Protein backbone atom coordinates (compact mmCIF):
# COMPACT_ATOMS: atom_id res chain seq x y z
CA UNK A 1 -73.20 -14.14 -93.15
CA UNK A 2 -71.13 -16.17 -95.61
CA UNK A 3 -69.65 -19.35 -94.14
CA UNK A 4 -65.87 -19.39 -93.92
CA UNK A 5 -64.17 -21.72 -96.35
CA UNK A 6 -61.48 -23.86 -94.76
CA UNK A 7 -58.96 -26.17 -96.41
CA UNK A 8 -57.81 -29.11 -94.29
CA UNK A 9 -54.31 -30.49 -94.82
CA UNK A 10 -53.48 -33.48 -92.66
CA UNK A 11 -50.16 -35.17 -92.10
CA UNK A 12 -47.34 -36.05 -89.76
CA UNK A 13 -45.39 -32.82 -90.47
CA UNK A 14 -42.25 -34.69 -89.44
CA UNK A 15 -41.01 -31.99 -89.94
CA UNK A 16 -43.14 -29.34 -91.61
CA UNK A 17 -41.39 -27.60 -94.50
CA UNK A 18 -41.78 -24.94 -97.14
CA UNK A 19 -43.52 -27.35 -99.51
CA UNK A 20 -46.43 -27.67 -97.06
CA UNK A 21 -46.71 -23.90 -96.89
CA UNK A 22 -46.48 -23.46 -100.65
CA UNK A 23 -49.20 -25.96 -101.56
CA UNK A 24 -51.44 -24.57 -98.82
CA UNK A 25 -51.20 -21.02 -100.11
CA UNK A 26 -51.65 -22.21 -103.68
CA UNK A 27 -54.79 -24.17 -102.74
CA UNK A 28 -56.11 -21.18 -100.81
CA UNK A 29 -55.82 -18.95 -103.86
CA UNK A 30 -57.06 -21.56 -106.34
CA UNK A 31 -60.15 -22.49 -104.32
CA UNK A 32 -60.99 -19.13 -102.77
CA UNK A 33 -60.39 -20.33 -99.21
CA UNK A 34 -60.32 -18.08 -96.16
CA UNK A 35 -57.62 -20.13 -94.48
CA UNK A 36 -56.02 -23.57 -94.27
CA UNK A 37 -55.87 -25.73 -91.17
CA UNK A 38 -52.88 -28.04 -90.76
CA UNK A 39 -54.05 -31.14 -88.88
CA UNK A 40 -50.87 -32.46 -87.25
CA UNK A 41 -51.55 -36.13 -86.67
CA UNK A 42 -50.73 -37.78 -83.32
CA UNK A 43 -49.99 -40.95 -85.28
CA UNK A 44 -50.59 -42.01 -88.88
CA UNK A 45 -51.78 -45.64 -89.16
CA UNK A 46 -50.13 -45.91 -92.60
CA UNK A 47 -46.72 -44.64 -91.49
CA UNK A 48 -44.12 -46.33 -89.25
CA UNK A 49 -43.72 -45.04 -85.72
CA UNK A 50 -39.92 -45.32 -85.93
CA UNK A 51 -38.34 -41.93 -86.57
CA UNK A 52 -41.48 -39.99 -85.66
CA UNK A 53 -40.74 -36.93 -83.52
CA UNK A 54 -43.02 -36.10 -80.57
CA UNK A 55 -46.30 -34.40 -81.47
CA UNK A 56 -45.35 -31.16 -79.71
CA UNK A 57 -42.09 -30.91 -81.64
CA UNK A 58 -43.84 -31.51 -84.97
CA UNK A 59 -46.38 -28.85 -83.98
CA UNK A 60 -43.58 -26.36 -83.36
CA UNK A 61 -42.04 -27.05 -86.76
CA UNK A 62 -45.46 -26.49 -88.36
CA UNK A 63 -46.09 -23.26 -86.43
CA UNK A 64 -42.72 -21.94 -87.60
CA UNK A 65 -43.53 -22.73 -91.24
CA UNK A 66 -47.02 -21.22 -90.96
CA UNK A 67 -45.96 -17.88 -89.52
CA UNK A 68 -47.44 -14.76 -91.12
CA UNK A 69 -49.74 -16.87 -93.32
CA UNK A 70 -53.49 -17.68 -93.19
CA UNK A 71 -52.62 -21.14 -91.85
CA UNK A 72 -53.84 -22.46 -88.50
CA UNK A 73 -51.83 -25.30 -86.94
CA UNK A 74 -53.77 -27.73 -84.77
CA UNK A 75 -53.50 -31.13 -83.11
CA UNK A 76 -57.26 -31.31 -82.62
CA UNK A 77 -57.24 -35.06 -83.31
CA UNK A 78 -55.57 -35.43 -79.90
CA UNK A 79 -58.56 -33.75 -78.27
CA UNK A 80 -61.17 -35.49 -80.44
CA UNK A 81 -59.61 -38.89 -79.76
CA UNK A 82 -59.85 -39.83 -83.44
CA UNK A 83 -57.32 -42.05 -85.16
CA UNK A 84 -58.54 -42.21 -88.74
CA UNK A 85 -59.12 -39.31 -91.13
CA UNK A 86 -62.74 -40.27 -91.83
CA UNK A 87 -63.54 -40.02 -88.10
CA UNK A 88 -61.67 -36.75 -87.73
CA UNK A 89 -63.52 -35.12 -90.62
CA UNK A 90 -66.88 -36.36 -89.33
CA UNK A 91 -66.10 -34.87 -85.92
CA UNK A 92 -64.95 -31.55 -87.39
CA UNK A 93 -68.11 -31.09 -89.45
CA UNK A 94 -70.18 -31.71 -86.32
CA UNK A 95 -68.11 -29.33 -84.20
CA UNK A 96 -68.04 -26.55 -86.81
CA UNK A 97 -71.35 -26.84 -88.68
CA UNK A 98 -71.18 -23.27 -90.02
CA UNK A 99 -67.85 -23.74 -91.80
CA UNK A 100 -67.31 -25.22 -95.25
CA UNK A 101 -64.44 -27.66 -95.42
CA UNK A 102 -62.46 -29.15 -98.29
CA UNK A 103 -59.92 -31.92 -97.78
CA UNK A 104 -56.54 -31.18 -99.37
CA UNK A 105 -54.11 -33.94 -100.27
CA UNK A 106 -51.20 -34.62 -102.58
CA UNK A 107 -51.39 -37.02 -105.50
CA UNK A 108 -49.18 -39.41 -103.49
CA UNK A 109 -52.06 -39.81 -101.03
CA UNK A 110 -54.60 -40.27 -103.83
CA UNK A 111 -52.52 -43.18 -105.12
CA UNK A 112 -53.13 -45.03 -101.84
CA UNK A 113 -56.45 -43.45 -100.90
CA UNK A 114 -58.26 -46.76 -101.45
CA UNK A 115 -56.32 -48.15 -98.47
CA UNK A 116 -57.74 -45.53 -96.09
CA UNK A 117 -60.51 -46.54 -93.72
CA UNK A 118 -63.98 -45.90 -95.23
CA UNK A 119 -62.52 -43.78 -98.01
CA UNK A 120 -65.79 -43.57 -99.94
CA UNK A 121 -67.54 -42.34 -96.79
CA UNK A 122 -64.78 -39.76 -96.36
CA UNK A 123 -65.36 -38.53 -99.92
CA UNK A 124 -69.04 -38.06 -99.11
CA UNK A 125 -68.29 -35.93 -96.04
CA UNK A 126 -66.58 -33.06 -97.88
CA UNK A 127 -65.05 -32.20 -101.27
CA UNK A 128 -61.49 -33.32 -102.01
CA UNK A 129 -58.82 -31.26 -103.75
CA UNK A 130 -55.78 -33.15 -105.01
CA UNK A 131 -52.51 -31.29 -105.57
CA UNK A 132 -49.97 -32.60 -108.07
CA UNK A 133 -46.80 -34.05 -106.55
CA UNK A 134 -43.76 -35.12 -108.58
CA UNK A 135 -43.48 -38.83 -109.30
CA UNK A 136 -46.98 -39.79 -108.16
CA UNK A 137 -49.33 -38.57 -110.88
CA UNK A 138 -49.33 -41.79 -112.91
CA UNK A 139 -50.03 -43.95 -109.85
CA UNK A 140 -52.78 -41.57 -108.73
CA UNK A 141 -54.51 -41.64 -112.11
CA UNK A 142 -54.40 -45.45 -112.17
CA UNK A 143 -55.59 -45.88 -108.58
CA UNK A 144 -58.92 -47.52 -107.65
CA UNK A 145 -59.93 -44.37 -105.79
CA UNK A 146 -59.44 -42.20 -108.88
CA UNK A 147 -61.56 -44.59 -110.94
CA UNK A 148 -64.41 -44.00 -108.48
CA UNK A 149 -63.83 -40.29 -107.83
CA UNK A 150 -63.38 -39.28 -111.45
CA UNK A 151 -67.14 -39.25 -112.05
CA UNK A 152 -67.40 -36.45 -109.46
CA UNK A 153 -64.62 -34.33 -110.90
CA UNK A 154 -65.19 -30.58 -111.20
CA UNK A 155 -62.98 -27.71 -112.28
CA UNK A 156 -61.42 -25.37 -109.74
CA UNK A 157 -63.37 -22.45 -111.25
CA UNK A 158 -66.64 -24.37 -111.09
CA UNK A 159 -65.92 -25.44 -107.55
CA UNK A 160 -65.07 -21.92 -106.38
CA UNK A 161 -68.07 -20.31 -108.07
CA UNK A 162 -70.54 -23.09 -107.42
CA UNK A 163 -72.15 -21.66 -104.30
CA UNK A 164 -72.97 -24.45 -101.87
CA UNK A 165 -70.30 -27.09 -101.76
CA UNK A 166 -71.42 -30.66 -102.14
CA UNK A 167 -69.72 -34.02 -101.84
CA UNK A 168 -68.49 -36.19 -103.39
CA UNK A 169 -66.52 -33.71 -105.48
CA UNK A 170 -62.96 -33.93 -106.77
CA UNK A 171 -60.84 -30.98 -107.87
CA UNK A 172 -57.40 -31.63 -109.35
CA UNK A 173 -55.02 -28.68 -108.95
CA UNK A 174 -51.95 -28.33 -111.14
CA UNK A 175 -49.04 -26.06 -110.40
CA UNK A 176 -45.26 -26.06 -110.54
CA UNK A 177 -44.45 -29.15 -108.42
CA UNK A 178 -42.50 -28.79 -105.20
CA UNK A 179 -40.00 -31.59 -104.66
CA UNK A 180 -39.31 -30.84 -101.00
CA UNK A 181 -40.20 -33.64 -98.61
CA UNK A 182 -39.99 -34.41 -94.90
CA UNK A 183 -38.12 -37.62 -95.72
CA UNK A 184 -35.34 -35.68 -97.46
CA UNK A 185 -35.14 -33.19 -94.60
CA UNK A 186 -34.81 -35.98 -92.02
CA UNK A 187 -32.12 -37.62 -94.13
CA UNK A 188 -30.19 -34.34 -94.32
CA UNK A 189 -30.61 -33.62 -90.60
CA UNK A 190 -31.54 -36.70 -88.55
CA UNK A 191 -31.46 -34.65 -85.34
CA UNK A 192 -33.80 -31.91 -86.57
CA UNK A 193 -36.15 -32.32 -83.61
CA UNK A 194 -33.36 -31.43 -81.15
CA UNK A 195 -33.28 -27.90 -82.56
CA UNK A 196 -36.61 -27.15 -80.88
CA UNK A 197 -36.96 -26.29 -77.18
CA UNK A 198 -39.09 -28.24 -74.72
CA UNK A 199 -41.50 -25.31 -74.26
CA UNK A 200 -44.97 -26.69 -75.14
CA UNK A 201 -46.57 -25.08 -78.21
CA UNK A 202 -50.11 -23.73 -78.11
CA UNK A 203 -52.64 -25.23 -80.48
CA UNK A 204 -53.71 -22.45 -82.87
CA UNK A 205 -57.29 -23.75 -83.01
CA UNK A 206 -58.14 -25.12 -79.56
CA UNK A 207 -55.71 -22.80 -77.73
CA UNK A 208 -54.58 -25.72 -75.57
CA UNK A 209 -50.92 -26.41 -74.81
CA UNK A 210 -49.51 -29.50 -76.49
CA UNK A 211 -46.82 -31.23 -74.37
CA UNK A 212 -43.48 -31.88 -76.04
CA UNK A 213 -42.82 -35.10 -74.14
CA UNK A 214 -45.88 -37.22 -74.58
CA UNK A 215 -46.24 -40.86 -75.55
CA UNK A 216 -47.16 -41.30 -79.19
CA UNK A 217 -50.36 -43.07 -80.10
CA UNK A 218 -49.81 -46.58 -81.39
CA UNK A 219 -49.99 -46.76 -85.19
């Protein structure tokens, strides 16, 4: 039986928006993925806690954006007790040894990837696919992480048709950029979180309920 191919897109999703959905579906088609998992982070160490909606509310915004698409919304980091991406990905590969994962991120994240905890170790856990994002390409290309990862660069076609996935591997995906951002949405509607009810959402991966009112993890 062929292992399912899963793209992992992590983030605060504060709130989730159509840009998240669009890049996920694009990456799915470009890389031949079966589905994409949205890892809604309890707390991002590189982002301020101020202005962050509760995890359950961010989950609900993500579930709404993912409807009728091969996207699974999960807050599994809450259950795993992991804080950093490298630890989350290590835990996921142990929990789901029969699945093939690829880490998806925008070029804005690549520009600061060298600041992530154990980023080289992360790159050795699973392949990385970087999706172009307006305004960040130059910084991404000039970043220390790109200087290291570039030696492992492969084409999307070679990656998709290459049989067993190996890491490190870097795939750069180009498509019509999407300028939507959570920051712009919060600026346009600072009270966006109040539009969601207090009914706890159900994690689409673990099937556990995620409370709306729950203390955020410290950044």
